[in-house]
Amino acid sequence: MRADRWLWAARFYKSRSLAAEACEGGKVEVNGHTAKAHKLVRVDDTLEFTHPHGLKKLKVLAVSDKRGPATEARLLYEDHSPPQDENFDFFAQPSFRSRGSGRPTKRERRETEWFRRR
């Protein structure tokens, strides 16, 4: 089964196109190799991907091409994700410069680019 379809069926992304974007953006790895959307996912494969709720590490237990309820979706994988830092807020707004304060410094630009990549 395709990686984007599996991620969608396992309910990690709301739409298949969002799952495909994550794959094409290099955020998904299957068995340690960067995966495109068409990469085949099989039982006992390991998936690592960056999700808005942090890094996810999963072992594929089953393959399903249909998106079912969340209770069925949880049966498709085994979660081996590292514990998330409680103080880290992924959705926190980055500090913005006040209008008219000039160009950002090199350090500020790097910080905003780092935040956008995540």
PDB file of N, CA and C in Angstrom:
ATOM      1  N   MET A   1       0.829  -1.171   0.000  1.00  0.00           N
ATOM      2  CA  MET A   1       0.000   0.000   0.000  1.00  0.00           C
ATOM      3  C   MET A   1       0.879   1.242   0.000  1.00  0.00           C
ATOM      4  N   ARG A   2       0.423   2.292  -0.656  1.00  0.00           N
ATOM      5  CA  ARG A   2       1.167   3.546  -0.738  1.00  0.00           C
ATOM      6  C   ARG A   2       1.285   4.203   0.642  1.00  0.00           C
ATOM      7  N   ALA A   3       2.402   4.879   0.862  1.00  0.00           N
ATOM      8  CA  ALA A   3       2.654   5.514   2.159  1.00  0.00           C
ATOM      9  C   ALA A   3       1.623   6.596   2.460  1.00  0.00           C
ATOM     10  N   ASP A   4       1.261   7.403   1.466  1.00  0.00           N
ATOM     11  CA  ASP A   4       0.298   8.470   1.722  1.00  0.00           C
ATOM     12  C   ASP A   4      -1.084   7.914   2.058  1.00  0.00           C
ATOM     13  N   ARG A   5      -1.478   6.830   1.409  1.00  0.00           N
ATOM     14  CA  ARG A   5      -2.780   6.217   1.703  1.00  0.00           C
ATOM     15  C   ARG A   5      -2.779   5.602   3.105  1.00  0.00           C
ATOM     16  N   TRP A   6      -1.666   4.990   3.493  1.00  0.00           N
ATOM     17  CA  TRP A   6      -1.618   4.377   4.815  1.00  0.00           C
ATOM     18  C   TRP A   6      -1.679   5.443   5.902  1.00  0.00           C
ATOM     19  N   LEU A   7      -0.915   6.541   5.739  1.00  0.00           N
ATOM     20  CA  LEU A   7      -0.937   7.618   6.727  1.00  0.00           C
ATOM     21  C   LEU A   7      -2.327   8.230   6.849  1.00  0.00           C
ATOM     22  N   TRP A   8      -3.029   8.327   5.730  1.00  0.00           N
ATOM     23  CA  TRP A   8      -4.392   8.847   5.734  1.00  0.00           C
ATOM     24  C   TRP A   8      -5.340   7.854   6.420  1.00  0.00           C
ATOM     25  N   ALA A   9      -5.216   6.565   6.094  1.00  0.00           N
ATOM     26  CA  ALA A   9      -6.090   5.548   6.682  1.00  0.00           C
ATOM     27  C   ALA A   9      -5.827   5.399   8.183  1.00  0.00           C
ATOM     28  N   ALA A  10      -4.590   5.617   8.625  1.00  0.00           N
ATOM     29  CA  ALA A  10      -4.251   5.517  10.046  1.00  0.00           C
ATOM     30  C   ALA A  10      -4.597   6.797  10.800  1.00  0.00           C
ATOM     31  N   ARG A  11      -5.197   7.754  10.107  1.00  0.00           N
ATOM     32  CA  ARG A  11      -5.716   9.004  10.669  1.00  0.00           C
ATOM     33  C   ARG A  11      -4.641   9.924  11.233  1.00  0.00           C
ATOM     34  N   PHE A  12      -3.478   9.972  10.590  1.00  0.00           N
ATOM     35  CA  PHE A  12      -2.470  10.941  10.989  1.00  0.00           C
ATOM     36  C   PHE A  12      -2.617  12.237  10.211  1.00  0.00           C
ATOM     37  N   TYR A  13      -3.272  12.184   9.076  1.00  0.00           N
ATOM     38  CA  TYR A  13      -3.539  13.372   8.262  1.00  0.00           C
ATOM     39  C   TYR A  13      -5.006  13.375   7.875  1.00  0.00           C
ATOM     40  N   LYS A  14      -5.602  14.572   7.809  1.00  0.00           N
ATOM     41  CA  LYS A  14      -7.023  14.682   7.517  1.00  0.00           C
ATOM     42  C   LYS A  14      -7.364  14.347   6.071  1.00  0.00           C
ATOM     43  N   SER A  15      -6.431  14.582   5.179  1.00  0.00           N
ATOM     44  CA  SER A  15      -6.683  14.267   3.771  1.00  0.00           C
ATOM     45  C   SER A  15      -5.471  13.557   3.190  1.00  0.00           C
ATOM     46  N   ARG A  16      -5.705  12.854   2.113  1.00  0.00           N
ATOM     47  CA  ARG A  16      -4.614  12.133   1.473  1.00  0.00           C
ATOM     48  C   ARG A  16      -3.634  13.106   0.841  1.00  0.00           C
ATOM     49  N   SER A  17      -4.133  14.247   0.375  1.00  0.00           N
ATOM     50  CA  SER A  17      -3.228  15.229  -0.229  1.00  0.00           C
ATOM     51  C   SER A  17      -2.272  15.804   0.815  1.00  0.00           C
ATOM     52  N   LEU A  18      -2.716  15.987   2.060  1.00  0.00           N
ATOM     53  CA  LEU A  18      -1.807  16.449   3.113  1.00  0.00           C
ATOM     54  C   LEU A  18      -0.749  15.397   3.422  1.00  0.00           C
ATOM     55  N   ALA A  19      -1.151  14.136   3.404  1.00  0.00           N
ATOM     56  CA  ALA A  19      -0.191  13.054   3.625  1.00  0.00           C
ATOM     57  C   ALA A  19       0.815  12.998   2.484  1.00  0.00           C
ATOM     58  N   ALA A  20       0.356  13.208   1.252  1.00  0.00           N
ATOM     59  CA  ALA A  20       1.255  13.202   0.100  1.00  0.00           C
ATOM     60  C   ALA A  20       2.222  14.382   0.166  1.00  0.00           C
ATOM     61  N   GLU A  21       1.747  15.539   0.613  1.00  0.00           N
ATOM     62  CA  GLU A  21       2.627  16.709   0.765  1.00  0.00           C
ATOM     63  C   GLU A  21       3.722  16.429   1.786  1.00  0.00           C
ATOM     64  N   ALA A  22       3.376  15.772   2.878  1.00  0.00           N
ATOM     65  CA  ALA A  22       4.375  15.432   3.899  1.00  0.00           C
ATOM     66  C   ALA A  22       5.415  14.489   3.319  1.00  0.00           C
ATOM     67  N   CYS A  23       4.965  13.539   2.508  1.00  0.00           N
ATOM     68  CA  CYS A  23       5.906  12.598   1.886  1.00  0.00           C
ATOM     69  C   CYS A  23       6.812  13.315   0.895  1.00  0.00           C
ATOM     70  N   GLU A  24       6.231  14.137   0.061  1.00  0.00           N
ATOM     71  CA  GLU A  24       7.016  14.847  -0.954  1.00  0.00           C
ATOM     72  C   GLU A  24       7.945  15.876  -0.320  1.00  0.00           C
ATOM     73  N   GLY A  25       7.588  16.379   0.853  1.00  0.00           N
ATOM     74  CA  GLY A  25       8.422  17.355   1.545  1.00  0.00           C
ATOM     75  C   GLY A  25       9.585  16.733   2.291  1.00  0.00           C
ATOM     76  N   GLY A  26       9.719  15.407   2.239  1.00  0.00           N
ATOM     77  CA  GLY A  26      10.833  14.742   2.897  1.00  0.00           C
ATOM     78  C   GLY A  26      10.648  14.540   4.381  1.00  0.00           C
ATOM     79  N   LYS A  27       9.415  14.625   4.869  1.00  0.00           N
ATOM     80  CA  LYS A  27       9.161  14.499   6.295  1.00  0.00           C
ATOM     81  C   LYS A  27       8.840  13.062   6.718  1.00  0.00           C
ATOM     82  N   VAL A  28       8.754  12.144   5.747  1.00  0.00           N
ATOM     83  CA  VAL A  28       8.383  10.757   6.047  1.00  0.00           C
ATOM     84  C   VAL A  28       9.533   9.835   5.665  1.00  0.00           C
ATOM     85  N   GLU A  29       9.881   8.920   6.567  1.00  0.00           N
ATOM     86  CA  GLU A  29      10.896   7.912   6.296  1.00  0.00           C
ATOM     87  C   GLU A  29      10.294   6.531   6.522  1.00  0.00           C
ATOM     88  N   VAL A  30      10.579   5.625   5.606  1.00  0.00           N
ATOM     89  CA  VAL A  30      10.156   4.232   5.741  1.00  0.00           C
ATOM     90  C   VAL A  30      11.416   3.390   5.838  1.00  0.00           C
ATOM     91  N   ASN A  31      11.562   2.698   6.934  1.00  0.00           N
ATOM     92  CA  ASN A  31      12.740   1.865   7.208  1.00  0.00           C
ATOM     93  C   ASN A  31      14.047   2.656   7.082  1.00  0.00           C
ATOM     94  N   GLY A  32      14.037   3.900   7.533  1.00  0.00           N
ATOM     95  CA  GLY A  32      15.236   4.717   7.547  1.00  0.00           C
ATOM     96  C   GLY A  32      15.561   5.433   6.253  1.00  0.00           C
ATOM     97  N   HIS A  33      14.727   5.294   5.220  1.00  0.00           N
ATOM     98  CA  HIS A  33      14.958   5.958   3.942  1.00  0.00           C
ATOM     99  C   HIS A  33      13.820   6.932   3.664  1.00  0.00           C
ATOM    100  N   THR A  34      14.173   8.100   3.144  1.00  0.00           N
ATOM    101  CA  THR A  34      13.153   9.086   2.798  1.00  0.00           C
ATOM    102  C   THR A  34      12.172   8.485   1.809  1.00  0.00           C
ATOM    103  N   ALA A  35      10.887   8.695   2.058  1.00  0.00           N
ATOM    104  CA  ALA A  35       9.854   8.045   1.254  1.00  0.00           C
ATOM    105  C   ALA A  35       9.037   9.074   0.491  1.00  0.00           C
ATOM    106  N   LYS A  36       8.799   8.799  -0.763  1.00  0.00           N
ATOM    107  CA  LYS A  36       7.855   9.576  -1.551  1.00  0.00           C
ATOM    108  C   LYS A  36       6.464   8.999  -1.300  1.00  0.00           C
ATOM    109  N   ALA A  37       5.444   9.665  -1.823  1.00  0.00           N
ATOM    110  CA  ALA A  37       4.069   9.237  -1.578  1.00  0.00           C
ATOM    111  C   ALA A  37       3.787   7.851  -2.138  1.00  0.00           C
ATOM    112  N   HIS A  38       4.463   7.464  -3.203  1.00  0.00           N
ATOM    113  CA  HIS A  38       4.194   6.181  -3.844  1.00  0.00           C
ATOM    114  C   HIS A  38       4.969   5.019  -3.226  1.00  0.00           C
ATOM    115  N   LYS A  39       5.788   5.290  -2.211  1.00  0.00           N
ATOM    116  CA  LYS A  39       6.558   4.230  -1.551  1.00  0.00           C
ATOM    117  C   LYS A  39       5.607   3.210  -0.926  1.00  0.00           C
ATOM    118  N   LEU A  40       5.872   1.929  -1.162  1.00  0.00           N
ATOM    119  CA  LEU A  40       5.011   0.885  -0.631  1.00  0.00           C
ATOM    120  C   LEU A  40       5.318   0.629   0.844  1.00  0.00           C
ATOM    121  N   VAL A  41       4.268   0.536   1.633  1.00  0.00           N
ATOM    122  CA  VAL A  41       4.363   0.252   3.056  1.00  0.00           C
ATOM    123  C   VAL A  41       3.819  -1.143   3.278  1.00  0.00           C
ATOM    124  N   ARG A  42       4.583  -1.955   3.998  1.00  0.00           N
ATOM    125  CA  ARG A  42       4.188  -3.335   4.268  1.00  0.00           C
ATOM    126  C   ARG A  42       4.159  -3.575   5.771  1.00  0.00           C
ATOM    127  N   VAL A  43       3.606  -4.687   6.173  1.00  0.00           N
ATOM    128  CA  VAL A  43       3.568  -5.059   7.589  1.00  0.00           C
ATOM    129  C   VAL A  43       5.006  -5.220   8.088  1.00  0.00           C
ATOM    130  N   ASP A  44       5.266  -4.793   9.303  1.00  0.00           N
ATOM    131  CA  ASP A  44       6.567  -4.803   9.988  1.00  0.00           C
ATOM    132  C   ASP A  44       7.518  -3.710   9.516  1.00  0.00           C
ATOM    133  N   ASP A  45       7.087  -2.788   8.658  1.00  0.00           N
ATOM    134  CA  ASP A  45       7.902  -1.626   8.305  1.00  0.00           C
ATOM    135  C   ASP A  45       7.860  -0.625   9.448  1.00  0.00           C
ATOM    136  N   THR A  46       8.889   0.217   9.528  1.00  0.00           N
ATOM    137  CA  THR A  46       8.902   1.294  10.513  1.00  0.00           C
ATOM    138  C   THR A  46       8.781   2.616   9.777  1.00  0.00           C
ATOM    139  N   LEU A  47       7.922   3.470  10.274  1.00  0.00           N
ATOM    140  CA  LEU A  47       7.718   4.798   9.703  1.00  0.00           C
ATOM    141  C   LEU A  47       8.127   5.843  10.720  1.00  0.00           C
ATOM    142  N   GLU A  48       8.854   6.850  10.260  1.00  0.00           N
ATOM    143  CA  GLU A  48       9.190   8.008  11.082  1.00  0.00           C
ATOM    144  C   GLU A  48       8.758   9.229  10.308  1.00  0.00           C
ATOM    145  N   PHE A  49       8.028  10.127  10.964  1.00  0.00           N
ATOM    146  CA  PHE A  49       7.624  11.350  10.286  1.00  0.00           C
ATOM    147  C   PHE A  49       7.387  12.449  11.298  1.00  0.00           C
ATOM    148  N   THR A  50       7.515  13.667  10.794  1.00  0.00           N
ATOM    149  CA  THR A  50       7.288  14.842  11.613  1.00  0.00           C
ATOM    150  C   THR A  50       5.822  15.204  11.516  1.00  0.00           C
ATOM    151  N   HIS A  51       5.188  15.303  12.647  1.00  0.00           N
ATOM    152  CA  HIS A  51       3.763  15.592  12.731  1.00  0.00           C
ATOM    153  C   HIS A  51       3.614  16.848  13.584  1.00  0.00           C
ATOM    154  N   PRO A  52       2.525  17.606  13.441  1.00  0.00           N
ATOM    155  CA  PRO A  52       2.370  18.791  14.302  1.00  0.00           C
ATOM    156  C   PRO A  52       2.456  18.491  15.793  1.00  0.00           C
ATOM    157  N   HIS A  53       2.209  17.266  16.198  1.00  0.00           N
ATOM    158  CA  HIS A  53       2.298  16.916  17.609  1.00  0.00           C
ATOM    159  C   HIS A  53       3.656  16.324  17.973  1.00  0.00           C
ATOM    160  N   GLY A  54       4.631  16.452  17.096  1.00  0.00           N
ATOM    161  CA  GLY A  54       5.976  15.969  17.386  1.00  0.00           C
ATOM    162  C   GLY A  54       6.400  14.850  16.453  1.00  0.00           C
ATOM    163  N   LEU A  55       7.571  14.297  16.733  1.00  0.00           N
ATOM    164  CA  LEU A  55       8.109  13.208  15.934  1.00  0.00           C
ATOM    165  C   LEU A  55       7.352  11.926  16.238  1.00  0.00           C
ATOM    166  N   LYS A  56       6.949  11.212  15.197  1.00  0.00           N
ATOM    167  CA  LYS A  56       6.231   9.952  15.351  1.00  0.00           C
ATOM    168  C   LYS A  56       7.088   8.821  14.811  1.00  0.00           C
ATOM    169  N   LYS A  57       7.207   7.748  15.582  1.00  0.00           N
ATOM    170  CA  LYS A  57       7.879   6.522  15.150  1.00  0.00           C
ATOM    171  C   LYS A  57       6.879   5.396  15.307  1.00  0.00           C
ATOM    172  N   LEU A  58       6.563   4.739  14.196  1.00  0.00           N
ATOM    173  CA  LEU A  58       5.519   3.729  14.197  1.00  0.00           C
ATOM    174  C   LEU A  58       6.007   2.440  13.580  1.00  0.00           C
ATOM    175  N   LYS A  59       5.460   1.346  14.050  1.00  0.00           N
ATOM    176  CA  LYS A  59       5.671   0.042  13.419  1.00  0.00           C
ATOM    177  C   LYS A  59       4.333  -0.360  12.812  1.00  0.00           C
ATOM    178  N   VAL A  60       4.339  -0.713  11.537  1.00  0.00           N
ATOM    179  CA  VAL A  60       3.112  -1.062  10.833  1.00  0.00           C
ATOM    180  C   VAL A  60       2.709  -2.482  11.230  1.00  0.00           C
ATOM    181  N   LEU A  61       1.506  -2.620  11.775  1.00  0.00           N
ATOM    182  CA  LEU A  61       0.980  -3.921  12.170  1.00  0.00           C
ATOM    183  C   LEU A  61       0.005  -4.486  11.141  1.00  0.00           C
ATOM    184  N   ALA A  62      -0.684  -3.592  10.433  1.00  0.00           N
ATOM    185  CA  ALA A  62      -1.663  -4.016   9.434  1.00  0.00           C
ATOM    186  C   ALA A  62      -1.766  -2.941   8.365  1.00  0.00           C
ATOM    187  N   VAL A  63      -2.321  -3.326   7.229  1.00  0.00           N
ATOM    188  CA  VAL A  63      -2.488  -2.404   6.108  1.00  0.00           C
ATOM    189  C   VAL A  63      -3.970  -2.331   5.783  1.00  0.00           C
ATOM    190  N   SER A  64      -4.470  -1.112   5.644  1.00  0.00           N
ATOM    191  CA  SER A  64      -5.872  -0.918   5.294  1.00  0.00           C
ATOM    192  C   SER A  64      -5.955   0.237   4.308  1.00  0.00           C
ATOM    193  N   ASP A  65      -6.693   0.041   3.221  1.00  0.00           N
ATOM    194  CA  ASP A  65      -6.824   1.105   2.235  1.00  0.00           C
ATOM    195  C   ASP A  65      -8.073   1.944   2.474  1.00  0.00           C
ATOM    196  N   LYS A  66      -8.880   1.555   3.484  1.00  0.00           N
ATOM    197  CA  LYS A  66     -10.072   2.325   3.808  1.00  0.00           C
ATOM    198  C   LYS A  66      -9.856   3.064   5.116  1.00  0.00           C
ATOM    199  N   ARG A  67     -10.357   4.285   5.170  1.00  0.00           N
ATOM    200  CA  ARG A  67     -10.260   5.082   6.389  1.00  0.00           C
ATOM    201  C   ARG A  67     -11.470   4.763   7.259  1.00  0.00           C
ATOM    202  N   GLY A  68     -11.213   4.164   8.391  1.00  0.00           N
ATOM    203  CA  GLY A  68     -12.293   3.789   9.287  1.00  0.00           C
ATOM    204  C   GLY A  68     -12.294   4.644  10.532  1.00  0.00           C
ATOM    205  N   PRO A  69     -13.033   4.217  11.542  1.00  0.00           N
ATOM    206  CA  PRO A  69     -13.047   4.965  12.801  1.00  0.00           C
ATOM    207  C   PRO A  69     -11.687   4.919  13.498  1.00  0.00           C
ATOM    208  N   ALA A  70     -11.501   5.820  14.430  1.00  0.00           N
ATOM    209  CA  ALA A  70     -10.211   5.937  15.122  1.00  0.00           C
ATOM    210  C   ALA A  70      -9.861   4.665  15.879  1.00  0.00           C
ATOM    211  N   THR A  71     -10.851   3.963  16.382  1.00  0.00           N
ATOM    212  CA  THR A  71     -10.565   2.728  17.117  1.00  0.00           C
ATOM    213  C   THR A  71      -9.955   1.671  16.197  1.00  0.00           C
ATOM    214  N   GLU A  72     -10.419   1.619  14.948  1.00  0.00           N
ATOM    215  CA  GLU A  72      -9.840   0.685  13.982  1.00  0.00           C
ATOM    216  C   GLU A  72      -8.485   1.174  13.491  1.00  0.00           C
ATOM    217  N   ALA A  73      -8.324   2.480  13.379  1.00  0.00           N
ATOM    218  CA  ALA A  73      -7.062   3.040  12.897  1.00  0.00           C
ATOM    219  C   ALA A  73      -5.928   2.750  13.872  1.00  0.00           C
ATOM    220  N   ARG A  74      -6.219   2.722  15.173  1.00  0.00           N
ATOM    221  CA  ARG A  74      -5.185   2.442  16.170  1.00  0.00           C
ATOM    222  C   ARG A  74      -4.659   1.016  16.084  1.00  0.00           C
ATOM    223  N   LEU A  75      -5.407   0.134  15.450  1.00  0.00           N
ATOM    224  CA  LEU A  75      -4.973  -1.256  15.299  1.00  0.00           C
ATOM    225  C   LEU A  75      -3.991  -1.440  14.152  1.00  0.00           C
ATOM    226  N   LEU A  76      -3.783  -0.393  13.345  1.00  0.00           N
ATOM    227  CA  LEU A  76      -2.896  -0.484  12.188  1.00  0.00           C
ATOM    228  C   LEU A  76      -1.427  -0.301  12.555  1.00  0.00           C
ATOM    229  N   TYR A  77      -1.138   0.245  13.724  1.00  0.00           N
ATOM    230  CA  TYR A  77       0.243   0.580  14.064  1.00  0.00           C
ATOM    231  C   TYR A  77       0.507   0.391  15.548  1.00  0.00           C
ATOM    232  N   GLU A  78       1.803   0.347  15.855  1.00  0.00           N
ATOM    233  CA  GLU A  78       2.294   0.328  17.231  1.00  0.00           C
ATOM    234  C   GLU A  78       3.172   1.558  17.386  1.00  0.00           C
ATOM    235  N   ASP A  79       2.872   2.370  18.364  1.00  0.00           N
ATOM    236  CA  ASP A  79       3.553   3.657  18.523  1.00  0.00           C
ATOM    237  C   ASP A  79       4.822   3.499  19.351  1.00  0.00           C
ATOM    238  N   HIS A  80       5.956   3.917  18.780  1.00  0.00           N
ATOM    239  CA  HIS A  80       7.245   3.906  19.475  1.00  0.00           C
ATOM    240  C   HIS A  80       7.822   5.313  19.545  1.00  0.00           C
ATOM    241  N   SER A  81       6.962   6.323  19.553  1.00  0.00           N
ATOM    242  CA  SER A  81       7.396   7.715  19.551  1.00  0.00           C
ATOM    243  C   SER A  81       8.071   8.068  20.873  1.00  0.00           C
ATOM    244  N   PRO A  82       9.088   8.927  20.817  1.00  0.00           N
ATOM    245  CA  PRO A  82       9.714   9.365  22.070  1.00  0.00           C
ATOM    246  C   PRO A  82       8.738  10.243  22.844  1.00  0.00           C
ATOM    247  N   PRO A  83       8.857  10.265  24.162  1.00  0.00           N
ATOM    248  CA  PRO A  83       7.952  11.118  24.940  1.00  0.00           C
ATOM    249  C   PRO A  83       8.164  12.580  24.566  1.00  0.00           C
ATOM    250  N   GLN A  84       7.062  13.290  24.468  1.00  0.00           N
ATOM    251  CA  GLN A  84       7.123  14.691  24.049  1.00  0.00           C
ATOM    252  C   GLN A  84       7.411  15.585  25.252  1.00  0.00           C
ATOM    253  N   ASP A  85       8.211  16.607  25.021  1.00  0.00           N
ATOM    254  CA  ASP A  85       8.532  17.569  26.071  1.00  0.00           C
ATOM    255  C   ASP A  85       7.274  18.358  26.411  1.00  0.00           C
ATOM    256  N   GLU A  86       6.897  18.391  27.675  1.00  0.00           N
ATOM    257  CA  GLU A  86       5.670  19.063  28.070  1.00  0.00           C
ATOM    258  C   GLU A  86       5.764  20.571  27.920  1.00  0.00           C
ATOM    259  N   ASN A  87       6.977  21.131  27.996  1.00  0.00           N
ATOM    260  CA  ASN A  87       7.143  22.580  27.907  1.00  0.00           C
ATOM    261  C   ASN A  87       7.156  23.083  26.474  1.00  0.00           C
ATOM    262  N   PHE A  88       7.340  22.193  25.502  1.00  0.00           N
ATOM    263  CA  PHE A  88       7.421  22.602  24.108  1.00  0.00           C
ATOM    264  C   PHE A  88       6.024  22.747  23.533  1.00  0.00           C
ATOM    265  N   ASP A  89       5.725  23.927  22.996  1.00  0.00           N
ATOM    266  CA  ASP A  89       4.422  24.171  22.377  1.00  0.00           C
ATOM    267  C   ASP A  89       4.647  24.389  20.890  1.00  0.00           C
ATOM    268  N   PHE A  90       4.280  23.397  20.094  1.00  0.00           N
ATOM    269  CA  PHE A  90       4.507  23.461  18.648  1.00  0.00           C
ATOM    270  C   PHE A  90       3.720  24.587  18.003  1.00  0.00           C
ATOM    271  N   PHE A  91       2.543  24.879  18.528  1.00  0.00           N
ATOM    272  CA  PHE A  91       1.672  25.869  17.912  1.00  0.00           C
ATOM    273  C   PHE A  91       1.882  27.276  18.460  1.00  0.00           C
ATOM    274  N   ALA A  92       2.886  27.462  19.294  1.00  0.00           N
ATOM    275  CA  ALA A  92       3.154  28.793  19.826  1.00  0.00           C
ATOM    276  C   ALA A  92       3.570  29.726  18.695  1.00  0.00           C
ATOM    277  N   GLN A  93       3.116  30.929  18.751  1.00  0.00           N
ATOM    278  CA  GLN A  93       3.431  31.903  17.717  1.00  0.00           C
ATOM    279  C   GLN A  93       4.875  32.380  17.874  1.00  0.00           C
ATOM    280  N   PRO A  94       5.610  32.466  16.760  1.00  0.00           N
ATOM    281  CA  PRO A  94       6.971  32.994  16.855  1.00  0.00           C
ATOM    282  C   PRO A  94       6.919  34.488  17.148  1.00  0.00           C
ATOM    283  N   SER A  95       7.997  34.996  17.713  1.00  0.00           N
ATOM    284  CA  SER A  95       8.018  36.424  17.993  1.00  0.00           C
ATOM    285  C   SER A  95       8.137  37.186  16.675  1.00  0.00           C
ATOM    286  N   PHE A  96       7.285  38.172  16.506  1.00  0.00           N
ATOM    287  CA  PHE A  96       7.285  38.967  15.284  1.00  0.00           C
ATOM    288  C   PHE A  96       7.893  40.327  15.552  1.00  0.00           C
ATOM    289  N   ARG A  97       8.531  40.850  14.538  1.00  0.00           N
ATOM    290  CA  ARG A  97       9.127  42.172  14.633  1.00  0.00           C
ATOM    291  C   ARG A  97       8.038  43.214  14.428  1.00  0.00           C
ATOM    292  N   SER A  98       8.168  44.309  15.119  1.00  0.00           N
ATOM    293  CA  SER A  98       7.197  45.379  14.912  1.00  0.00           C
ATOM    294  C   SER A  98       7.433  46.005  13.543  1.00  0.00           C
ATOM    295  N   ARG A  99       6.371  46.445  12.944  1.00  0.00           N
ATOM    296  CA  ARG A  99       6.434  46.992  11.598  1.00  0.00           C
ATOM    297  C   ARG A  99       7.318  48.244  11.567  1.00  0.00           C
ATOM    298  N   GLY A 100       8.190  48.312  10.579  1.00  0.00           N
ATOM    299  CA  GLY A 100       9.063  49.474  10.420  1.00  0.00           C
ATOM    300  C   GLY A 100      10.336  49.394  11.233  1.00  0.00           C
ATOM    301  N   SER A 101      10.633  48.268  11.848  1.00  0.00           N
ATOM    302  CA  SER A 101      11.834  48.185  12.674  1.00  0.00           C
ATOM    303  C   SER A 101      13.050  47.726  11.873  1.00  0.00           C
ATOM    304  N   GLY A 102      12.955  47.680  10.564  1.00  0.00           N
ATOM    305  CA  GLY A 102      14.096  47.337   9.730  1.00  0.00           C
ATOM    306  C   GLY A 102      14.160  45.850   9.420  1.00  0.00           C
ATOM    307  N   ARG A 103      15.214  45.503   8.721  1.00  0.00           N
ATOM    308  CA  ARG A 103      15.397  44.111   8.329  1.00  0.00           C
ATOM    309  C   ARG A 103      15.774  43.262   9.534  1.00  0.00           C
ATOM    310  N   PRO A 104      15.390  41.990   9.508  1.00  0.00           N
ATOM    311  CA  PRO A 104      15.794  41.125  10.619  1.00  0.00           C
ATOM    312  C   PRO A 104      17.289  40.835  10.560  1.00  0.00           C
ATOM    313  N   THR A 105      17.847  40.568  11.705  1.00  0.00           N
ATOM    314  CA  THR A 105      19.250  40.198  11.740  1.00  0.00           C
ATOM    315  C   THR A 105      19.405  38.778  11.202  1.00  0.00           C
ATOM    316  N   LYS A 106      20.634  38.386  10.957  1.00  0.00           N
ATOM    317  CA  LYS A 106      20.887  37.046  10.436  1.00  0.00           C
ATOM    318  C   LYS A 106      20.397  35.986  11.425  1.00  0.00           C
ATOM    319  N   ARG A 107      20.609  36.237  12.703  1.00  0.00           N
ATOM    320  CA  ARG A 107      20.173  35.292  13.723  1.00  0.00           C
ATOM    321  C   ARG A 107      18.650  35.173  13.739  1.00  0.00           C
ATOM    322  N   GLU A 108      17.937  36.308  13.665  1.00  0.00           N
ATOM    323  CA  GLU A 108      16.477  36.278  13.661  1.00  0.00           C
ATOM    324  C   GLU A 108      15.946  35.566  12.418  1.00  0.00           C
ATOM    325  N   ARG A 109      16.588  35.779  11.280  1.00  0.00           N
ATOM    326  CA  ARG A 109      16.160  35.125  10.048  1.00  0.00           C
ATOM    327  C   ARG A 109      16.327  33.615  10.160  1.00  0.00           C
ATOM    328  N   ARG A 110      17.451  33.168  10.705  1.00  0.00           N
ATOM    329  CA  ARG A 110      17.678  31.728  10.884  1.00  0.00           C
ATOM    330  C   ARG A 110      16.660  31.111  11.830  1.00  0.00           C
ATOM    331  N   GLU A 111      16.318  31.823  12.882  1.00  0.00           N
ATOM    332  CA  GLU A 111      15.320  31.316  13.829  1.00  0.00           C
ATOM    333  C   GLU A 111      13.950  31.180  13.172  1.00  0.00           C
ATOM    334  N   THR A 112      13.555  32.143  12.375  1.00  0.00           N
ATOM    335  CA  THR A 112      12.248  32.047  11.699  1.00  0.00           C
ATOM    336  C   THR A 112      12.260  30.954  10.640  1.00  0.00           C
ATOM    337  N   GLU A 113      13.374  30.782   9.943  1.00  0.00           N
ATOM    338  CA  GLU A 113      13.449  29.707   8.947  1.00  0.00           C
ATOM    339  C   GLU A 113      13.422  28.344   9.640  1.00  0.00           C
ATOM    340  N   TRP A 114      14.080  28.213  10.775  1.00  0.00           N
ATOM    341  CA  TRP A 114      14.050  26.950  11.517  1.00  0.00           C
ATOM    342  C   TRP A 114      12.628  26.626  11.942  1.00  0.00           C
ATOM    343  N   PHE A 115      11.901  27.646  12.418  1.00  0.00           N
ATOM    344  CA  PHE A 115      10.532  27.417  12.870  1.00  0.00           C
ATOM    345  C   PHE A 115       9.631  27.029  11.700  1.00  0.00           C
ATOM    346  N   ARG A 116       9.807  27.612  10.546  1.00  0.00           N
ATOM    347  CA  ARG A 116       8.970  27.310   9.384  1.00  0.00           C
ATOM    348  C   ARG A 116       9.223  25.904   8.841  1.00  0.00           C
ATOM    349  N   ARG A 117      10.454  25.400   8.991  1.00  0.00           N
ATOM    350  CA  ARG A 117      10.763  24.059   8.518  1.00  0.00           C
ATOM    351  C   ARG A 117      10.080  22.985   9.347  1.00  0.00           C
ATOM    352  N   ARG A 118       9.804  23.252  10.583  1.00  0.00           N
ATOM    353  CA  ARG A 118       9.229  22.258  11.487  1.00  0.00           C
ATOM    354  C   ARG A 118       7.796  22.032  11.203  1.00  0.00           C
TER     355      ARG A 118
END
